[in-house]
Amino acid sequence: METSQPIRDTASSAGACESDSFLSSNVLVPHHVVHRSFPAETVVLNLQTGKYHGLNPTAGAMLVALEQAASVREAVELLARTYERAGDEVERDVRGLCGALLERELIELDETAAG
């Protein structure tokens, strides 16, 4: 099984998630992707490529929130409250993470949920 570099600096990958409708989208984890959280990281495995990726604890919490929320906006609001951070700061970080995960085909965006 191949490994990839851990996803740590995600700000440079945010380009894929810059649209205005992004916050209204729903993030889906495809059936060919599995993830499991551990104390030091969340491991995300793409079963189609055989590559696994490491997320730091904050990125792992973001992935869980994105997967469970009805929209990216809802996940951002939840994360901002949970971590007592400014909403625009959390939004920037979520956009970056989503860009990195999309590049690696670890998530999909359902824009039909966009309102």
Protein backbone atom coordinates (compact mmCIF):
# COMPACT_ATOMS: atom_id res chain seq x y z
CA MET A 1 0.00 0.00 0.00
CA GLU A 2 1.36 3.42 -0.95
CA THR A 3 1.54 6.29 1.48
CA SER A 4 1.28 9.96 0.74
CA GLN A 5 2.53 13.00 2.55
CA PRO A 6 0.42 13.97 5.55
CA ILE A 7 -2.03 16.77 4.87
CA ARG A 8 -0.78 19.55 7.11
CA ASP A 9 -0.54 22.86 5.20
CA THR A 10 -3.85 23.06 3.40
CA ALA A 11 -4.09 26.79 2.75
CA SER A 12 -2.45 26.49 -0.70
CA SER A 13 -5.06 23.93 -1.82
CA ALA A 14 -8.08 26.13 -1.10
CA GLY A 15 -8.64 27.14 -4.75
CA ALA A 16 -11.11 24.33 -5.46
CA CYS A 17 -13.45 25.58 -2.74
CA GLU A 18 -13.55 29.31 -3.43
CA SER A 19 -16.98 29.56 -5.09
CA ASP A 20 -19.79 31.49 -3.46
CA SER A 21 -21.96 28.37 -3.35
CA PHE A 22 -19.33 26.37 -1.46
CA LEU A 23 -20.72 27.22 1.99
CA SER A 24 -24.16 25.92 0.99
CA SER A 25 -22.73 22.65 -0.32
CA ASN A 26 -22.81 19.35 1.50
CA VAL A 27 -19.56 17.42 1.89
CA LEU A 28 -19.78 13.71 1.16
CA VAL A 29 -17.20 11.07 1.95
CA PRO A 30 -17.37 8.61 -0.97
CA HIS A 31 -17.92 4.90 -0.35
CA HIS A 32 -14.36 4.18 -1.49
CA VAL A 33 -12.94 6.30 1.35
CA VAL A 34 -12.72 5.27 4.98
CA HIS A 35 -11.31 7.15 7.94
CA ARG A 36 -10.53 6.50 11.56
CA SER A 37 -9.49 8.89 14.29
CA PHE A 38 -6.64 8.23 16.70
CA PRO A 39 -5.33 10.55 19.44
CA ALA A 40 -2.52 11.98 17.31
CA GLU A 41 -4.14 11.91 13.85
CA THR A 42 -6.99 10.79 11.67
CA VAL A 43 -6.06 8.28 8.98
CA VAL A 44 -8.00 8.56 5.72
CA LEU A 45 -7.71 5.70 3.21
CA ASN A 46 -8.75 5.87 -0.43
CA LEU A 47 -9.55 2.22 -1.22
CA GLN A 48 -9.44 2.86 -4.99
CA THR A 49 -5.88 4.20 -4.98
CA GLY A 50 -4.56 2.34 -1.94
CA LYS A 51 -3.14 5.61 -0.59
CA TYR A 52 -3.67 6.73 2.96
CA HIS A 53 -3.40 10.23 4.29
CA GLY A 54 -2.80 11.61 7.77
CA LEU A 55 -4.81 14.50 9.17
CA ASN A 56 -3.81 16.34 12.32
CA PRO A 57 -6.41 16.27 15.13
CA THR A 58 -7.95 19.61 14.11
CA ALA A 59 -8.30 18.59 10.47
CA GLY A 60 -9.76 15.27 11.60
CA ALA A 61 -12.38 17.11 13.68
CA MET A 62 -13.14 19.29 10.64
CA LEU A 63 -13.68 16.21 8.48
CA VAL A 64 -16.10 14.71 11.00
CA ALA A 65 -18.01 17.99 11.31
CA LEU A 66 -18.21 18.36 7.51
CA GLU A 67 -19.45 14.79 7.13
CA GLN A 68 -22.15 15.21 9.77
CA ALA A 69 -23.35 18.74 8.96
CA ALA A 70 -26.10 19.57 6.48
CA SER A 71 -23.83 22.17 4.84
CA VAL A 72 -20.29 23.49 4.97
CA ARG A 73 -21.68 26.67 6.57
CA GLU A 74 -23.23 24.63 9.39
CA ALA A 75 -19.93 22.81 9.97
CA VAL A 76 -18.01 26.11 10.04
CA GLU A 77 -20.42 27.55 12.61
CA LEU A 78 -20.16 24.44 14.79
CA LEU A 79 -16.36 24.39 14.61
CA ALA A 80 -16.13 28.12 15.38
CA ARG A 81 -18.26 27.63 18.50
CA THR A 82 -16.47 24.45 19.59
CA TYR A 83 -12.96 25.88 19.21
CA GLU A 84 -13.92 29.46 20.15
CA ARG A 85 -12.43 30.84 16.94
CA ALA A 86 -13.57 33.56 14.56
CA GLY A 87 -15.92 32.27 11.86
CA ASP A 88 -13.84 33.75 9.01
CA GLU A 89 -10.71 32.03 10.35
CA VAL A 90 -12.49 28.67 10.55
CA GLU A 91 -14.03 29.18 7.10
CA ARG A 92 -10.58 29.85 5.59
CA ASP A 93 -9.18 26.70 7.21
CA VAL A 94 -12.16 24.58 6.13
CA ARG A 95 -11.86 25.86 2.54
CA GLY A 96 -8.18 24.91 2.55
CA LEU A 97 -8.81 21.46 3.97
CA CYS A 98 -11.63 20.78 1.52
CA GLY A 99 -9.42 21.83 -1.38
CA ALA A 100 -6.72 19.38 -0.29
CA LEU A 101 -9.23 16.55 0.28
CA LEU A 102 -10.91 17.18 -3.08
CA GLU A 103 -7.54 17.05 -4.87
CA ARG A 104 -6.95 13.64 -3.33
CA GLU A 105 -10.51 12.46 -4.11
CA LEU A 106 -11.21 11.92 -0.41
CA ILE A 107 -14.41 14.00 -0.40
CA GLU A 108 -17.03 15.13 -2.88
CA LEU A 109 -19.17 18.25 -2.85
CA ASP A 110 -22.93 17.96 -3.31
CA GLU A 111 -23.83 21.36 -4.66
CA THR A 112 -27.48 20.36 -5.16
CA ALA A 113 -27.83 21.11 -1.46
CA ALA A 114 -26.80 24.70 -2.23
CA GLY A 115 -29.64 27.12 -1.74
